[in-house]
Amino acid sequence: MARDMRSWIKQLDEAGCLLKIPKEVDPVKNMSAVFYSITDKALLFENVKGHPGWRVLGQAPGNMKMAGLAFDTDSSMVVREYVRRTEKDTVPCEVVSGGPVKEIIRTGVDVDVQTLPTHIQGLRDAGRYIASGLCIVKDPETGLRNMCFHRLQVKGRNKLGIMMVPGRHTWLIYQKYRALKQPMPIAIMIGHHPLYYMAAAYTGPMELDELELAGALLGEPVQTVCCETCDLQVPAHAEIILEGTIDPELREDEGPFSEFQGYYFGGSGQNPLVEIKAMTTRFDPIFKGLQNGPDVEGCIYHRVPMSAAVFKDLRNVTGHVEIKDVYCHWGTVFGVVVQMTPRFYGEAKNVLLAAISGSYVHTKIAVAVDEDVDIYDAKDVAWAITTRVDPENDVAVIKGMRGHQMDESVTGMVGPPLSTGVRQKLTSKMIIDATKPPTTDPERRDVYERLTPVGLDDLEHILS
């Protein structure tokens, strides 16, 4: 049986992680506030103002506990489980003749994306957005498929604004269609099992098919069906599929939008448009409401695969260093914490240099801690920094490194724009060695043994 959003909702409910909300919620006026206020439960809105019959699922997963549930493991094992599953070969998709997402097919004038219960996420947003749409495109030269996140502003009955980050895979494929002076076919999947989203958020080589990566994460082939209006295949058990094209030159104002950093800047301006030509759904589709911002669902989807990628990078370049775990931290994905056991003085700095120069350019601040520090607890990491760091010797700033396009704090632009349209950004990056002295200096290392209260073994008996 395919794992989809329905099986995920059932799993959340059985685990006591689902909160059903029967009261009316307005997607324009207050749905965002509910998303932002509740992160310990997944939310299923059952009464959406202006959208009778629709249900909306969000904050699923809204924290690492629920992410662990999606992987059938503990929250502290999620990153390592992602690494384990993606070390195997990807799983080819299985093309089938039909599926639940084909139960209702609308084309032409019957298509109206405004009927979807999209919500306004922040006070300064330009309007309603589909933040949960996974965009599927195909390279016109190689036929390779790509699936990833793109924000989509609802602009009319069959029109969406799209922001494609310059230099990323979808943008590069779009440039090929522009060179051919042809519109780019696109399919947008809304609503599925969270491991599809964690596959889409992974940054790998251009030839990586994220739907096949999803198969590896799920442990089963993704069943796909052919689109109605273009030569693309999409997951058969999705809730909603939008089919359309992106004109090679047409542009319109798009944004601002509440981005993952917790601000409204990033990518706004004259951006391409998606013309929607078909919408296929289940009989009773459940909309996937995705809240963006720090420490909410949108961040979880990117945090896990990014942590896994950094983990792989470190293991590949640091030799016999014992890397325990990696977690992209502090609300956004610009910071990373590495849990390790240093053997020699200076070894942690070597590891951290690798952490800020791997496959992701996002990582701007990297911290190393020992195994006695909970890297999933920001307070514990902060404790290690304040008690184990001598700023003069344990902190280093490296100037002139490549910066992320969506990091507004990075102001150093150098050189002309590349042929892809990418502006070249330079930033400084910081590494912080918050580890104890290494194992080769056991006497000094022993000084940093953490306080342990007396009588912990008696606690359960006393409090019961």
Protein backbone atom coordinates (compact mmCIF):
# COMPACT_ATOMS: atom_id res chain seq x y z
CA MET A 1 0.00 0.00 0.00
CA ALA A 2 1.42 3.39 -1.01
CA ARG A 3 2.36 5.75 1.80
CA ASP A 4 0.57 9.03 1.18
CA MET A 5 -0.87 11.98 3.07
CA ARG A 6 -3.87 9.93 4.19
CA SER A 7 -1.75 7.20 5.75
CA TRP A 8 0.39 9.96 7.32
CA ILE A 9 -2.66 11.61 8.91
CA LYS A 10 -3.71 8.22 10.33
CA GLN A 11 -0.22 7.64 11.71
CA LEU A 12 -0.18 11.08 13.34
CA ASP A 13 -3.61 10.49 14.87
CA GLU A 14 -2.71 7.08 16.27
CA ALA A 15 0.47 8.55 17.80
CA GLY A 16 -1.50 11.32 19.54
CA CYS A 17 0.20 13.96 17.39
CA LEU A 18 -2.84 15.27 15.49
CA LEU A 19 -5.05 18.15 16.60
CA LYS A 20 -8.34 18.45 14.71
CA ILE A 21 -9.77 21.96 14.63
CA PRO A 22 -13.55 22.00 14.02
CA LYS A 23 -14.02 25.75 14.54
CA GLU A 24 -14.00 28.03 11.50
CA VAL A 25 -10.56 29.34 10.60
CA ASP A 26 -10.00 32.10 8.05
CA PRO A 27 -7.05 31.47 5.67
CA VAL A 28 -6.74 35.21 5.08
CA LYS A 29 -7.06 36.50 8.64
CA ASN A 30 -5.90 33.92 11.18
CA MET A 31 -4.78 30.52 9.84
CA SER A 32 -1.14 31.64 9.84
CA ALA A 33 -1.33 32.60 13.54
CA VAL A 34 -2.57 29.11 14.42
CA PHE A 35 0.25 27.51 12.43
CA TYR A 36 2.84 29.69 14.15
CA SER A 37 1.42 29.18 17.64
CA ILE A 38 1.21 25.37 17.67
CA THR A 39 4.25 23.26 16.84
CA ASP A 40 3.77 20.28 19.16
CA LYS A 41 0.84 18.90 17.14
CA ALA A 42 -0.02 18.50 13.49
CA LEU A 43 -3.09 20.58 12.63
CA LEU A 44 -6.09 19.43 10.61
CA PHE A 45 -8.47 22.32 9.90
CA GLU A 46 -11.94 20.94 9.26
CA ASN A 47 -13.84 24.21 8.71
CA VAL A 48 -12.07 26.64 6.37
CA LYS A 49 -13.87 29.93 5.79
CA GLY A 50 -14.78 30.47 2.15
CA HIS A 51 -13.85 26.91 1.18
CA PRO A 52 -16.69 24.57 2.18
CA GLY A 53 -15.84 20.88 2.12
CA TRP A 54 -12.09 21.45 2.22
CA ARG A 55 -9.73 20.29 4.94
CA VAL A 56 -6.22 21.65 5.42
CA LEU A 57 -3.29 19.79 7.01
CA GLY A 58 -0.32 21.73 8.39
CA GLN A 59 2.56 21.55 10.84
CA ALA A 60 2.92 17.93 9.85
CA PRO A 61 5.76 17.62 10.75
CA GLY A 62 6.05 20.77 12.81
CA ASN A 63 8.90 19.45 14.95
CA MET A 64 11.58 16.76 15.01
CA LYS A 65 9.42 14.37 17.03
CA MET A 66 6.97 14.17 14.14
CA ALA A 67 9.84 14.00 11.66
CA GLY A 68 10.98 10.92 13.56
CA LEU A 69 7.49 9.48 13.24
CA ALA A 70 7.67 9.90 9.45
CA PHE A 71 10.89 7.86 9.45
CA ASP A 72 9.57 5.34 12.01
CA THR A 73 12.39 6.25 14.37
CA ASP A 74 13.28 8.53 17.28
CA SER A 75 13.73 12.25 16.67
CA SER A 76 17.44 12.06 17.51
CA MET A 77 17.95 9.42 14.81
CA VAL A 78 16.23 11.22 11.93
CA VAL A 79 19.35 12.67 10.29
CA ARG A 80 21.30 9.43 10.53
CA GLU A 81 18.30 7.49 9.22
CA TYR A 82 18.08 9.87 6.25
CA VAL A 83 21.78 9.23 5.58
CA ARG A 84 21.32 5.45 5.88
CA ARG A 85 18.39 5.30 3.47
CA THR A 86 19.99 7.55 0.86
CA GLU A 87 23.29 5.66 0.85
CA LYS A 88 21.52 2.94 -1.11
CA ASP A 89 20.57 3.28 -4.75
CA THR A 90 17.55 5.41 -5.53
CA VAL A 91 14.37 3.50 -6.35
CA PRO A 92 13.02 3.86 -9.91
CA CYS A 93 9.42 5.02 -10.19
CA GLU A 94 6.64 2.70 -11.30
CA VAL A 95 4.41 4.17 -14.02
CA VAL A 96 0.76 3.13 -13.54
CA SER A 97 -2.33 3.77 -15.64
CA GLY A 98 -4.30 5.65 -12.98
CA GLY A 99 -4.49 6.66 -9.36
CA PRO A 100 -6.45 8.64 -6.76
CA VAL A 101 -5.12 11.98 -8.02
CA LYS A 102 -6.99 11.36 -11.30
CA GLU A 103 -10.41 10.96 -9.66
CA ILE A 104 -11.40 14.48 -10.75
CA ILE A 105 -9.90 16.09 -13.86
CA ARG A 106 -10.44 19.74 -14.71
CA THR A 107 -9.00 21.46 -17.78
CA GLY A 108 -9.34 24.77 -19.58
CA VAL A 109 -11.92 27.18 -18.15
CA ASP A 110 -12.88 24.68 -15.44
CA VAL A 111 -9.53 25.25 -13.75
CA ASP A 112 -9.56 27.76 -10.88
CA VAL A 113 -6.64 27.73 -8.45
CA GLN A 114 -8.42 30.39 -6.40
CA THR A 115 -10.71 27.66 -5.08
CA LEU A 116 -7.77 26.11 -3.24
CA PRO A 117 -7.71 27.05 0.50
CA THR A 118 -4.36 28.81 0.34
CA HIS A 119 -3.52 31.14 3.23
CA ILE A 120 -1.72 34.44 3.76
CA GLN A 121 1.37 33.73 5.85
CA GLY A 122 2.62 37.14 6.98
CA LEU A 123 1.28 40.67 7.33
CA ARG A 124 3.39 42.02 4.48
CA ASP A 125 2.87 39.14 2.05
CA ALA A 126 1.70 40.13 -1.43
CA GLY A 127 -1.26 37.75 -1.19
CA ARG A 128 -2.12 34.10 -0.91
CA TYR A 129 0.64 31.60 -1.64
CA ILE A 130 0.97 27.91 -2.33
CA ALA A 131 4.06 27.09 -0.27
CA SER A 132 3.52 23.33 -0.34
CA GLY A 133 3.76 22.89 -4.11
CA LEU A 134 6.55 20.57 -5.26
CA CYS A 135 7.43 21.62 -8.80
CA ILE A 136 8.30 18.87 -11.28
CA VAL A 137 10.09 19.74 -14.54
CA LYS A 138 12.18 17.88 -17.11
CA ASP A 139 15.44 18.90 -18.77
CA PRO A 140 14.73 19.38 -22.51
CA GLU A 141 18.19 18.12 -23.45
CA THR A 142 18.76 15.15 -21.13
CA GLY A 143 15.22 14.23 -20.11
CA LEU A 144 16.31 14.26 -16.46
CA ARG A 145 13.52 15.08 -14.00
CA ASN A 146 13.75 17.54 -11.14
CA MET A 147 11.39 18.09 -8.21
CA CYS A 148 11.79 20.87 -5.66
CA PHE A 149 10.11 23.58 -3.61
CA HIS A 150 9.12 26.90 -5.16
CA ARG A 151 6.83 29.50 -3.69
CA LEU A 152 3.77 30.17 -5.87
CA GLN A 153 1.72 33.36 -5.57
CA VAL A 154 -1.94 32.98 -6.50
CA LYS A 155 -2.57 35.70 -9.10
CA GLY A 156 -5.80 34.65 -10.80
CA ARG A 157 -7.97 31.79 -11.92
CA ASN A 158 -5.19 30.04 -13.82
CA LYS A 159 -2.13 32.15 -13.05
CA LEU A 160 0.60 31.73 -10.44
CA GLY A 161 3.73 33.77 -9.86
CA ILE A 162 6.83 31.67 -9.24
CA MET A 163 10.18 32.52 -7.70
CA MET A 164 13.03 30.30 -8.91
CA VAL A 165 16.31 30.92 -7.13
CA PRO A 166 18.98 31.71 -9.76
CA GLY A 167 21.54 28.95 -10.10
CA ARG A 168 19.30 26.21 -8.71
CA HIS A 169 18.30 23.22 -10.83
CA THR A 170 14.81 24.36 -11.86
CA TRP A 171 16.21 27.74 -12.88
CA LEU A 172 18.98 26.12 -14.94
CA ILE A 173 16.43 23.91 -16.72
CA TYR A 174 14.25 26.97 -17.33
CA GLN A 175 17.21 28.71 -18.97
CA LYS A 176 17.42 25.88 -21.49
CA TYR A 177 13.77 26.36 -22.45
CA ARG A 178 14.37 30.10 -22.75
CA ALA A 179 17.28 29.43 -25.11
CA LEU A 180 14.94 27.26 -27.18
CA LYS A 181 12.29 30.03 -27.01
CA GLN A 182 9.82 27.46 -25.70
CA PRO A 183 7.54 27.44 -22.63
CA MET A 184 8.64 25.07 -19.88
CA PRO A 185 6.08 22.38 -18.93
CA ILE A 186 5.62 22.09 -15.17
CA ALA A 187 3.56 19.94 -12.82
CA ILE A 188 2.95 21.05 -9.23
CA MET A 189 2.19 18.40 -6.62
CA ILE A 190 0.32 19.53 -3.50
CA GLY A 191 -0.12 17.12 -0.60
CA HIS A 192 1.66 13.81 -0.01
CA HIS A 193 3.69 11.93 2.58
CA PRO A 194 6.35 14.17 4.23
CA LEU A 195 9.22 12.07 2.88
CA TYR A 196 8.38 13.39 -0.60
CA TYR A 197 8.97 16.89 0.74
CA MET A 198 12.23 15.86 2.41
CA ALA A 199 13.39 14.38 -0.88
CA ALA A 200 12.49 17.55 -2.77
CA ALA A 201 14.46 19.68 -0.30
CA TYR A 202 17.67 17.69 -0.78
CA THR A 203 20.42 19.31 -2.84
CA GLY A 204 22.24 16.73 -4.90
CA PRO A 205 23.78 16.53 -8.37
CA MET A 206 21.80 17.64 -11.41
CA GLU A 207 21.18 14.04 -12.43
CA LEU A 208 19.48 13.14 -9.14
CA ASP A 209 15.78 12.37 -9.61
CA GLU A 210 14.08 13.49 -6.40
CA LEU A 211 11.09 11.22 -7.01
CA GLU A 212 13.47 8.26 -7.11
CA LEU A 213 15.12 9.63 -3.96
CA ALA A 214 11.67 9.70 -2.36
CA GLY A 215 11.36 6.03 -3.25
CA ALA A 216 14.59 5.32 -1.36
CA LEU A 217 13.35 7.24 1.69
CA LEU A 218 9.96 5.51 1.58
CA GLY A 219 11.37 2.07 0.91
CA GLU A 220 8.94 1.57 -2.00
CA PRO A 221 8.70 2.72 -5.62
CA VAL A 222 6.79 5.93 -6.21
CA GLN A 223 3.82 5.15 -8.43
CA THR A 224 3.44 7.82 -11.11
CA VAL A 225 0.79 8.67 -13.70
CA CYS A 226 1.06 10.69 -16.88
CA CYS A 227 -0.12 14.28 -16.93
CA GLU A 228 -3.12 15.32 -19.01
CA THR A 229 -1.56 18.25 -20.86
CA CYS A 230 2.21 17.68 -20.89
CA ASP A 231 4.88 14.98 -21.05
CA LEU A 232 5.49 14.67 -17.31
CA GLN A 233 4.78 11.94 -14.77
CA VAL A 234 3.52 12.78 -11.29
CA PRO A 235 2.81 10.80 -8.09
CA ALA A 236 -0.45 8.88 -8.46
CA HIS A 237 -1.34 9.13 -4.77
CA ALA A 238 -0.95 12.89 -4.40
CA GLU A 239 -3.90 15.01 -3.29
CA ILE A 240 -3.68 17.66 -6.02
CA ILE A 241 -1.71 18.12 -9.25
CA LEU A 242 -1.58 21.40 -11.16
CA GLU A 243 -0.31 21.22 -14.75
CA GLY A 244 0.93 24.22 -16.64
CA THR A 245 3.66 26.02 -18.54
CA ILE A 246 6.07 28.86 -17.79
CA ASP A 247 6.51 31.38 -20.60
CA PRO A 248 10.18 31.91 -21.55
CA GLU A 249 10.01 35.70 -21.15
CA LEU A 250 6.77 36.80 -19.48
CA ARG A 251 7.33 38.47 -16.08
CA GLU A 252 5.19 40.12 -13.41
CA ASP A 253 5.68 41.50 -9.91
CA GLU A 254 5.86 38.68 -7.35
CA GLY A 255 6.33 38.97 -3.58
CA PRO A 256 7.08 39.93 -0.92
CA PHE A 257 6.66 36.62 0.89
CA SER A 258 7.40 35.31 4.39
CA GLU A 259 10.59 33.38 3.70
CA PHE A 260 12.40 30.73 5.74
CA GLN A 261 14.71 33.29 7.36
CA GLY A 262 11.77 34.91 9.15
CA TYR A 263 11.79 38.06 7.00
CA TYR A 264 9.91 39.28 3.92
CA PHE A 265 12.92 39.93 1.72
CA GLY A 266 14.34 37.51 -0.79
CA GLY A 267 13.57 37.08 -4.45
CA SER A 268 10.74 39.62 -4.82
CA GLY A 269 10.43 41.48 -8.11
CA GLN A 270 9.76 40.68 -11.75
CA ASN A 271 9.43 36.89 -11.72
CA PRO A 272 8.04 34.32 -14.19
CA LEU A 273 4.40 33.22 -14.40
CA VAL A 274 2.85 29.76 -14.45
CA GLU A 275 -0.23 29.34 -16.65
CA ILE A 276 -2.28 26.48 -15.21
CA LYS A 277 -3.95 24.31 -17.86
CA ALA A 278 -5.22 21.39 -15.81
CA MET A 279 -5.98 20.47 -12.20
CA THR A 280 -6.43 16.86 -11.16
CA THR A 281 -7.45 15.86 -7.64
CA ARG A 282 -8.95 13.19 -5.45
CA PHE A 283 -12.74 13.23 -4.93
CA ASP A 284 -12.27 14.90 -1.52
CA PRO A 285 -8.78 16.44 -1.68
CA ILE A 286 -7.04 17.59 1.50
CA PHE A 287 -4.98 20.72 0.95
CA LYS A 288 -1.43 20.84 2.30
CA GLY A 289 -0.99 24.13 4.14
CA LEU A 290 2.69 24.85 4.63
CA GLN A 291 3.79 27.65 6.94
CA ASN A 292 7.14 29.22 6.20
CA GLY A 293 9.47 30.90 8.67
CA PRO A 294 11.93 29.81 11.36
CA ASP A 295 11.19 26.69 13.42
CA VAL A 296 7.95 25.77 11.64
CA GLU A 297 7.14 23.04 9.12
CA GLY A 298 8.78 24.65 6.11
CA CYS A 299 12.08 24.80 7.98
CA ILE A 300 11.87 21.16 9.14
CA TYR A 301 11.64 19.92 5.55
CA HIS A 302 14.91 21.64 4.65
CA ARG A 303 16.70 21.14 7.94
CA VAL A 304 16.70 17.32 7.85
CA PRO A 305 18.08 16.73 4.32
CA MET A 306 20.57 19.57 4.73
CA SER A 307 21.84 18.08 7.99
CA ALA A 308 22.13 14.71 6.26
CA ALA A 309 24.10 16.23 3.38
CA VAL A 310 26.54 17.96 5.76
CA PHE A 311 26.88 14.68 7.69
CA LYS A 312 27.86 12.89 4.46
CA ASP A 313 30.27 15.67 3.49
CA LEU A 314 32.04 15.50 6.84
CA ARG A 315 32.32 11.75 6.83
CA ASN A 316 33.83 11.84 3.34
CA VAL A 317 36.53 14.43 4.07
CA THR A 318 37.43 14.07 7.76
CA GLY A 319 38.97 10.63 7.73
CA HIS A 320 38.80 8.80 11.04
CA VAL A 321 37.23 11.62 13.01
CA GLU A 322 34.26 10.26 14.94
CA ILE A 323 31.28 12.35 13.77
CA LYS A 324 28.33 11.50 16.03
CA ASP A 325 25.58 13.66 14.55
CA VAL A 326 24.86 16.87 12.60
CA TYR A 327 21.93 19.24 12.90
CA CYS A 328 21.16 22.50 11.11
CA HIS A 329 20.04 24.70 13.95
CA TRP A 330 18.74 27.99 15.35
CA GLY A 331 15.51 28.40 13.52
CA THR A 332 16.89 28.64 9.99
CA VAL A 333 19.35 26.57 7.98
CA PHE A 334 22.22 29.06 8.05
CA GLY A 335 23.71 27.46 11.17
CA VAL A 336 24.89 23.91 11.83
CA VAL A 337 25.99 22.03 14.96
CA VAL A 338 28.38 19.09 14.66
CA GLN A 339 28.58 16.53 17.45
CA MET A 340 31.98 14.84 17.52
CA THR A 341 34.72 13.41 19.70
CA PRO A 342 37.93 15.39 19.09
CA ARG A 343 41.11 13.34 19.25
CA PHE A 344 43.65 16.12 18.77
CA TYR A 345 43.85 19.85 19.39
CA GLY A 346 42.66 21.71 16.30
CA GLU A 347 40.76 18.76 14.89
CA ALA A 348 37.37 20.31 15.56
CA LYS A 349 38.33 23.37 13.52
CA ASN A 350 39.28 21.14 10.60
CA VAL A 351 35.86 19.52 10.76
CA LEU A 352 34.10 22.89 10.97
CA LEU A 353 35.94 24.22 7.93
CA ALA A 354 34.55 21.26 6.00
CA ALA A 355 31.06 21.97 7.38
CA ILE A 356 30.99 25.50 5.96
CA SER A 357 32.39 24.53 2.56
CA GLY A 358 30.36 21.47 1.57
CA SER A 359 27.56 20.87 -0.90
CA TYR A 360 25.29 23.52 0.68
CA VAL A 361 26.27 27.20 0.58
CA HIS A 362 23.67 28.02 3.25
CA THR A 363 25.90 27.15 6.22
CA LYS A 364 27.31 30.38 7.61
CA ILE A 365 27.93 29.58 11.28
CA ALA A 366 29.19 26.16 12.38
CA VAL A 367 29.64 24.94 15.96
CA ALA A 368 31.33 21.76 17.19
CA VAL A 369 30.30 20.14 20.48
CA ASP A 370 31.00 16.88 22.28
CA GLU A 371 28.67 13.91 22.67
CA ASP A 372 27.57 15.10 26.13
CA VAL A 373 25.76 18.06 24.50
CA ASP A 374 22.28 17.62 23.03
CA ILE A 375 22.60 19.20 19.58
CA TYR A 376 18.81 19.30 19.20
CA ASP A 377 18.52 21.56 22.26
CA ALA A 378 19.50 25.15 21.46
CA LYS A 379 19.92 25.91 25.18
CA ASP A 380 22.37 23.05 25.63
CA VAL A 381 24.40 24.19 22.61
CA ALA A 382 24.41 27.75 23.95
CA TRP A 383 25.60 26.41 27.33
CA ALA A 384 28.53 24.67 25.63
CA ILE A 385 29.46 27.84 23.75
CA THR A 386 29.39 30.01 26.87
CA THR A 387 31.31 27.55 29.09
CA ARG A 388 33.78 25.88 26.70
CA VAL A 389 34.76 28.64 24.29
CA ASP A 390 37.64 31.07 24.58
CA PRO A 391 36.64 33.53 21.82
CA GLU A 392 40.23 34.46 20.97
CA ASN A 393 41.32 30.86 20.40
CA ASP A 394 38.14 28.94 19.65
CA VAL A 395 36.34 31.28 17.23
CA ALA A 396 37.51 31.99 13.70
CA VAL A 397 36.01 34.13 10.93
CA ILE A 398 36.84 33.27 7.34
CA LYS A 399 36.30 36.07 4.85
CA GLY A 400 35.58 35.98 1.15
CA MET A 401 33.49 32.80 0.96
CA ARG A 402 30.56 32.20 -1.36
CA GLY A 403 27.27 33.35 0.18
CA HIS A 404 23.68 32.23 -0.24
CA GLN A 405 21.50 34.20 -2.65
CA MET A 406 18.64 34.48 -0.14
CA ASP A 407 20.76 35.76 2.76
CA GLU A 408 20.09 39.48 2.90
CA SER A 409 22.77 40.00 5.56
CA VAL A 410 25.33 39.13 2.90
CA THR A 411 25.93 42.41 1.08
CA GLY A 412 29.19 41.77 -0.77
CA MET A 413 28.50 41.52 -4.49
CA VAL A 414 31.47 40.84 -6.74
CA GLY A 415 31.94 40.57 -10.47
CA PRO A 416 29.28 40.71 -13.18
CA PRO A 417 26.17 38.51 -13.02
CA LEU A 418 26.79 35.04 -14.43
CA SER A 419 25.16 33.89 -17.66
CA THR A 420 22.51 32.13 -15.54
CA GLY A 421 21.57 35.44 -13.93
CA VAL A 422 23.16 34.56 -10.60
CA ARG A 423 24.59 37.48 -8.64
CA GLN A 424 27.87 36.49 -7.02
CA LYS A 425 27.80 37.06 -3.25
CA LEU A 426 30.75 37.01 -0.90
CA THR A 427 30.29 36.50 2.81
CA SER A 428 32.29 35.79 5.91
CA LYS A 429 31.63 32.55 7.79
CA MET A 430 32.27 31.71 11.42
CA ILE A 431 33.37 28.52 13.13
CA ILE A 432 33.11 27.97 16.88
CA ASP A 433 34.95 25.12 18.61
CA ALA A 434 32.84 24.39 21.70
CA THR A 435 34.30 20.93 22.28
CA LYS A 436 36.15 19.78 25.37
CA PRO A 437 39.92 19.23 25.16
CA PRO A 438 40.71 16.18 23.00
CA THR A 439 40.98 12.57 24.08
CA THR A 440 44.78 12.82 23.78
CA ASP A 441 44.70 15.17 26.79
CA PRO A 442 42.54 13.13 29.20
CA GLU A 443 43.54 15.08 32.32
CA ARG A 444 42.41 18.40 30.86
CA ARG A 445 39.35 16.80 29.23
CA ASP A 446 38.26 15.38 32.60
CA VAL A 447 37.97 18.94 33.97
CA TYR A 448 34.90 19.43 31.75
CA GLU A 449 32.87 16.52 33.07
CA ARG A 450 29.30 17.78 33.46
CA LEU A 451 27.59 18.08 36.83
CA THR A 452 25.48 15.05 37.68
CA PRO A 453 22.92 15.37 40.52
CA VAL A 454 23.17 12.84 43.33
CA GLY A 455 20.40 10.26 43.53
CA LEU A 456 19.06 10.22 39.96
CA ASP A 457 18.37 6.50 40.34
CA ASP A 458 15.95 7.26 43.17
CA LEU A 459 14.02 9.98 41.31
CA GLU A 460 11.35 7.80 39.76
CA HIS A 461 10.60 6.13 43.10
CA ILE A 462 10.37 9.45 44.96
CA LEU A 463 8.09 11.11 42.39
CA SER A 464 5.81 8.15 41.76
